[in-house]
Amino acid sequence: MEIILREDVEHLGARGQLVKVAAGYARNFLLPKKLGVPATDSNRKIVEQERQAHLRKDAKLKSEAEDLAKLLGSVTVTIKRKAGESDQLFGSVTAGDVADALAAQKYVIDRRKIQMEEPIKTLGEHKVTVRTHKEVSVEITVNVTREE
């Protein structure tokens, strides 16, 4: 069955792309969740218009994300935690902690946009990547210090 995707679907395709899928997958997953529509001439025109509107909106969001990334590029976040003798933290610093520290500096960033391979478990300076847009990311410095 041929389907035109209305949203990006992981491991399948991008918005506006024509894909061939099994009839059951289309009927039970893609169509009910409005991720795709059957490939007819009228639907192709509608999806193309939606795709153009989405591209304009995405370009605006990307420019805003680049401006935010320029601001975040010089930001250093300091987080205080209790630590042992060998500079090991009691607990860890997670993406949520970094998001809270950024919010204290008036930068509202969703914790899911802060990418950490694993939580920070030692004192010192660490680089953390913040993805402000799917194509724009910036590294910020997280300074973990000992709580007195």
Protein backbone atom coordinates (compact mmCIF):
# COMPACT_ATOMS: atom_id res chain seq x y z
CA MET A 1 0.00 0.00 0.00
CA GLU A 2 1.33 3.45 -0.88
CA ILE A 3 1.20 6.10 1.84
CA ILE A 4 2.26 9.76 1.86
CA LEU A 5 3.85 10.60 5.22
CA ARG A 6 2.52 13.66 7.04
CA GLU A 7 5.20 13.50 9.75
CA ASP A 8 8.74 12.15 9.99
CA VAL A 9 8.54 8.47 10.96
CA GLU A 10 11.72 6.90 12.29
CA HIS A 11 13.09 4.05 10.14
CA LEU A 12 10.46 4.74 7.45
CA GLY A 13 10.78 8.18 5.90
CA ALA A 14 10.43 11.94 6.09
CA ARG A 15 7.44 14.26 5.85
CA GLY A 16 5.93 14.37 2.35
CA GLN A 17 7.68 11.20 1.21
CA LEU A 18 5.81 8.48 -0.68
CA VAL A 19 6.48 5.07 0.91
CA LYS A 20 5.26 1.53 0.30
CA VAL A 21 4.19 -0.24 3.47
CA ALA A 22 2.20 -3.31 4.37
CA ALA A 23 -1.55 -2.74 4.37
CA GLY A 24 -1.85 -3.72 8.04
CA TYR A 25 0.89 -1.30 9.12
CA ALA A 26 -0.85 1.52 7.27
CA ARG A 27 -4.34 0.62 8.47
CA ASN A 28 -3.43 -0.08 12.10
CA PHE A 29 -0.65 2.40 12.80
CA LEU A 30 0.02 5.14 10.26
CA LEU A 31 -3.55 6.14 9.36
CA PRO A 32 -5.10 6.13 12.89
CA LYS A 33 -2.22 8.22 14.28
CA LYS A 34 -2.49 10.60 11.30
CA LEU A 35 1.15 9.99 10.41
CA GLY A 36 0.23 9.34 6.80
CA VAL A 37 -2.57 9.43 4.23
CA PRO A 38 -3.36 7.15 1.27
CA ALA A 39 -1.51 8.17 -1.90
CA THR A 40 -4.19 9.81 -4.07
CA ASP A 41 -3.80 12.83 -6.34
CA SER A 42 -5.83 15.11 -4.06
CA ASN A 43 -3.90 13.97 -0.98
CA ARG A 44 -0.59 14.58 -2.78
CA LYS A 45 -1.55 18.23 -3.34
CA ILE A 46 -2.71 18.70 0.26
CA VAL A 47 0.42 17.09 1.71
CA GLU A 48 2.64 19.19 -0.57
CA GLN A 49 0.98 22.37 0.74
CA GLU A 50 1.43 21.16 4.32
CA ARG A 51 5.08 20.36 3.58
CA GLN A 52 5.72 23.87 2.21
CA ALA A 53 4.10 25.45 5.28
CA HIS A 54 6.16 23.18 7.54
CA LEU A 55 9.38 24.16 5.75
CA ARG A 56 8.67 27.85 6.30
CA LYS A 57 7.86 27.24 9.97
CA ASP A 58 10.95 25.06 10.39
CA ALA A 59 13.19 27.74 8.86
CA LYS A 60 11.86 30.27 11.38
CA LEU A 61 12.39 27.86 14.29
CA LYS A 62 15.92 27.10 13.10
CA SER A 63 16.87 30.78 13.00
CA GLU A 64 15.49 31.23 16.54
CA ALA A 65 17.43 28.15 17.67
CA GLU A 66 20.65 29.54 16.17
CA ASP A 67 20.15 32.82 18.05
CA LEU A 68 19.61 30.88 21.29
CA ALA A 69 22.70 28.77 20.57
CA LYS A 70 24.81 31.93 20.21
CA LEU A 71 23.60 33.07 23.62
CA LEU A 72 24.19 29.67 25.21
CA GLY A 73 27.69 29.36 23.76
CA SER A 74 29.20 31.53 26.46
CA VAL A 75 27.12 30.18 29.36
CA THR A 76 28.76 28.38 32.27
CA VAL A 77 26.52 26.58 34.72
CA THR A 78 27.70 25.92 38.26
CA ILE A 79 26.09 23.10 40.22
CA LYS A 80 26.98 22.34 43.85
CA ARG A 81 26.85 18.75 45.09
CA LYS A 82 28.15 16.79 48.05
CA ALA A 83 31.26 14.81 47.22
CA GLY A 84 33.59 12.33 48.85
CA GLU A 85 37.35 12.45 49.37
CA SER A 86 38.23 11.33 45.83
CA ASP A 87 36.00 13.96 44.17
CA GLN A 88 33.27 11.38 43.53
CA LEU A 89 29.76 12.77 43.90
CA PHE A 90 27.19 11.31 46.26
CA GLY A 91 24.63 10.83 43.51
CA SER A 92 25.03 12.45 40.10
CA VAL A 93 24.23 15.49 37.97
CA THR A 94 21.59 14.72 35.34
CA ALA A 95 20.13 16.59 32.38
CA GLY A 96 17.28 17.72 34.63
CA ASP A 97 19.75 19.33 37.04
CA VAL A 98 21.44 21.15 34.16
CA ALA A 99 18.04 22.32 32.86
CA ASP A 100 17.16 23.65 36.33
CA ALA A 101 20.48 25.50 36.57
CA LEU A 102 19.89 27.03 33.12
CA ALA A 103 16.38 28.05 34.19
CA ALA A 104 17.92 29.86 37.18
CA GLN A 105 19.93 31.87 34.63
CA LYS A 106 16.71 32.61 32.67
CA TYR A 107 17.34 30.12 29.83
CA VAL A 108 14.33 27.86 29.46
CA ILE A 109 15.59 24.61 27.93
CA ASP A 110 13.72 21.30 28.03
CA ARG A 111 15.75 18.62 29.79
CA ARG A 112 15.24 16.25 26.83
CA LYS A 113 17.24 18.66 24.65
CA ILE A 114 20.26 18.35 26.91
CA GLN A 115 22.31 15.41 25.69
CA MET A 116 24.47 13.55 28.13
CA GLU A 117 25.80 10.07 27.43
CA GLU A 118 25.71 9.38 31.15
CA PRO A 119 25.18 11.45 34.28
CA ILE A 120 28.11 13.44 35.67
CA LYS A 121 29.58 11.69 38.72
CA THR A 122 32.76 13.67 39.42
CA LEU A 123 33.68 17.21 40.39
CA GLY A 124 35.15 19.58 37.81
CA GLU A 125 34.27 21.10 34.46
CA HIS A 126 32.31 19.03 31.96
CA LYS A 127 31.09 19.81 28.44
CA VAL A 128 27.40 19.12 27.79
CA THR A 129 25.66 19.35 24.41
CA VAL A 130 22.35 21.20 24.12
CA ARG A 131 20.33 20.60 20.95
CA THR A 132 18.21 23.70 20.42
CA HIS A 133 16.98 22.37 17.05
CA LYS A 134 17.42 19.10 15.17
CA GLU A 135 20.20 20.74 13.12
CA VAL A 136 21.58 23.17 15.74
CA SER A 137 23.52 22.18 18.84
CA VAL A 138 25.87 23.99 21.19
CA GLU A 139 28.20 22.91 23.98
CA ILE A 140 27.89 24.51 27.38
CA THR A 141 30.25 24.17 30.32
CA VAL A 142 28.92 22.58 33.49
CA ASN A 143 31.10 23.25 36.52
CA VAL A 144 30.36 20.81 39.35
CA THR A 145 31.70 22.08 42.68
CA ARG A 146 31.79 20.73 46.20
CA GLU A 147 28.91 21.73 48.47
CA GLU A 148 30.12 23.00 51.83
